[in-house]
Amino acid sequence: MIGVIHTISTAQMQQQLRSRILKIIEKEKQILEEETGGVSQELSEREFTEYMDLVTEERKRSTDFGTKG
């Protein structure tokens, strides 16, 4: 039961983190466009998802490593 609760809470935290990061990216994109006269590098949804998956996996590994020692 605890494993299920942990899985659900982890998924919820990941979704909240993704939402916050997307908001920050959009805000920074707007600032960059204003400062450069409209030039910006767009981060695709796929690239963002891949990056977040990588971060999540690395975080999981570091957490697993800390509990196995």
C-alpha atoms as a PDB file:
ATOM      1  CA  MET A   1       0.000   0.000   0.000  1.00  0.00           C
ATOM      2  CA  ILE A   2       2.813   2.396   0.843  1.00  0.00           C
ATOM      3  CA  GLY A   3       4.426   1.686  -2.540  1.00  0.00           C
ATOM      4  CA  VAL A   4       1.229   2.690  -4.333  1.00  0.00           C
ATOM      5  CA  ILE A   5       0.965   5.904  -2.310  1.00  0.00           C
ATOM      6  CA  HIS A   6       4.618   6.680  -3.028  1.00  0.00           C
ATOM      7  CA  THR A   7       4.110   6.085  -6.757  1.00  0.00           C
ATOM      8  CA  ILE A   8       1.056   8.335  -6.858  1.00  0.00           C
ATOM      9  CA  SER A   9       2.721  11.101  -4.857  1.00  0.00           C
ATOM     10  CA  THR A  10       5.848  10.900  -7.016  1.00  0.00           C
ATOM     11  CA  ALA A  11       3.784  11.204 -10.197  1.00  0.00           C
ATOM     12  CA  GLN A  12       1.897  14.152  -8.742  1.00  0.00           C
ATOM     13  CA  MET A  13       5.133  15.899  -7.735  1.00  0.00           C
ATOM     14  CA  GLN A  14       6.579  15.320 -11.201  1.00  0.00           C
ATOM     15  CA  GLN A  15       3.487  16.839 -12.819  1.00  0.00           C
ATOM     16  CA  GLN A  16       3.667  19.872 -10.536  1.00  0.00           C
ATOM     17  CA  LEU A  17       7.363  20.279 -11.284  1.00  0.00           C
ATOM     18  CA  ARG A  18       6.751  20.049 -15.039  1.00  0.00           C
ATOM     19  CA  SER A  19       4.028  22.672 -14.784  1.00  0.00           C
ATOM     20  CA  ARG A  20       6.268  25.062 -12.837  1.00  0.00           C
ATOM     21  CA  ILE A  21       9.167  24.584 -15.233  1.00  0.00           C
ATOM     22  CA  LEU A  22       6.972  25.178 -18.288  1.00  0.00           C
ATOM     23  CA  LYS A  23       5.761  28.449 -16.729  1.00  0.00           C
ATOM     24  CA  ILE A  24       9.349  29.527 -16.048  1.00  0.00           C
ATOM     25  CA  ILE A  25      10.407  28.613 -19.589  1.00  0.00           C
ATOM     26  CA  GLU A  26       7.547  30.624 -21.082  1.00  0.00           C
ATOM     27  CA  LYS A  27       8.330  33.644 -18.901  1.00  0.00           C
ATOM     28  CA  GLU A  28      12.034  33.517 -19.750  1.00  0.00           C
ATOM     29  CA  LYS A  29      11.216  33.074 -23.430  1.00  0.00           C
ATOM     30  CA  GLN A  30       9.118  36.237 -23.377  1.00  0.00           C
ATOM     31  CA  ILE A  31      11.893  38.171 -21.620  1.00  0.00           C
ATOM     32  CA  LEU A  32      14.470  36.901 -24.107  1.00  0.00           C
ATOM     33  CA  GLU A  33      12.266  37.868 -27.051  1.00  0.00           C
ATOM     34  CA  GLU A  34      11.815  41.373 -25.630  1.00  0.00           C
ATOM     35  CA  GLU A  35      15.555  41.776 -25.059  1.00  0.00           C
ATOM     36  CA  THR A  36      16.589  40.451 -28.467  1.00  0.00           C
ATOM     37  CA  GLY A  37      13.836  41.912 -30.611  1.00  0.00           C
ATOM     38  CA  GLY A  38      11.964  38.649 -31.094  1.00  0.00           C
ATOM     39  CA  VAL A  39      14.781  36.138 -31.398  1.00  0.00           C
ATOM     40  CA  SER A  40      14.451  33.076 -29.184  1.00  0.00           C
ATOM     41  CA  GLN A  41      15.214  29.391 -29.134  1.00  0.00           C
ATOM     42  CA  GLU A  42      12.054  27.363 -28.771  1.00  0.00           C
ATOM     43  CA  LEU A  43      12.130  24.237 -26.651  1.00  0.00           C
ATOM     44  CA  SER A  44       9.807  21.647 -28.114  1.00  0.00           C
ATOM     45  CA  GLU A  45       7.428  19.689 -25.922  1.00  0.00           C
ATOM     46  CA  ARG A  46       9.278  16.509 -26.893  1.00  0.00           C
ATOM     47  CA  GLU A  47      12.661  17.960 -25.922  1.00  0.00           C
ATOM     48  CA  PHE A  48      11.245  19.160 -22.620  1.00  0.00           C
ATOM     49  CA  THR A  49       9.687  15.756 -21.897  1.00  0.00           C
ATOM     50  CA  GLU A  50      12.930  13.962 -22.732  1.00  0.00           C
ATOM     51  CA  TYR A  51      14.886  16.288 -20.469  1.00  0.00           C
ATOM     52  CA  MET A  52      12.413  15.883 -17.590  1.00  0.00           C
ATOM     53  CA  ASP A  53      12.511  12.098 -18.007  1.00  0.00           C
ATOM     54  CA  LEU A  54      16.310  12.218 -17.800  1.00  0.00           C
ATOM     55  CA  VAL A  55      16.216  14.396 -14.674  1.00  0.00           C
ATOM     56  CA  THR A  56      13.621  12.132 -13.074  1.00  0.00           C
ATOM     57  CA  GLU A  57      15.668   9.011 -13.827  1.00  0.00           C
ATOM     58  CA  GLU A  58      18.863  10.584 -12.462  1.00  0.00           C
ATOM     59  CA  ARG A  59      17.033  11.684  -9.321  1.00  0.00           C
ATOM     60  CA  LYS A  60      15.633   8.188  -8.877  1.00  0.00           C
ATOM     61  CA  ARG A  61      19.093   6.666  -9.281  1.00  0.00           C
ATOM     62  CA  SER A  62      20.637   9.022  -6.737  1.00  0.00           C
ATOM     63  CA  THR A  63      17.817   8.295  -4.281  1.00  0.00           C
ATOM     64  CA  ASP A  64      18.151   4.536  -4.843  1.00  0.00           C
ATOM     65  CA  PHE A  65      21.917   4.769  -4.405  1.00  0.00           C
ATOM     66  CA  GLY A  66      21.517   6.632  -1.121  1.00  0.00           C
ATOM     67  CA  THR A  67      19.185   4.003   0.291  1.00  0.00           C
ATOM     68  CA  LYS A  68      21.314   1.011  -0.742  1.00  0.00           C
ATOM     69  CA  GLY A  69      24.464   2.132   1.046  1.00  0.00           C
END
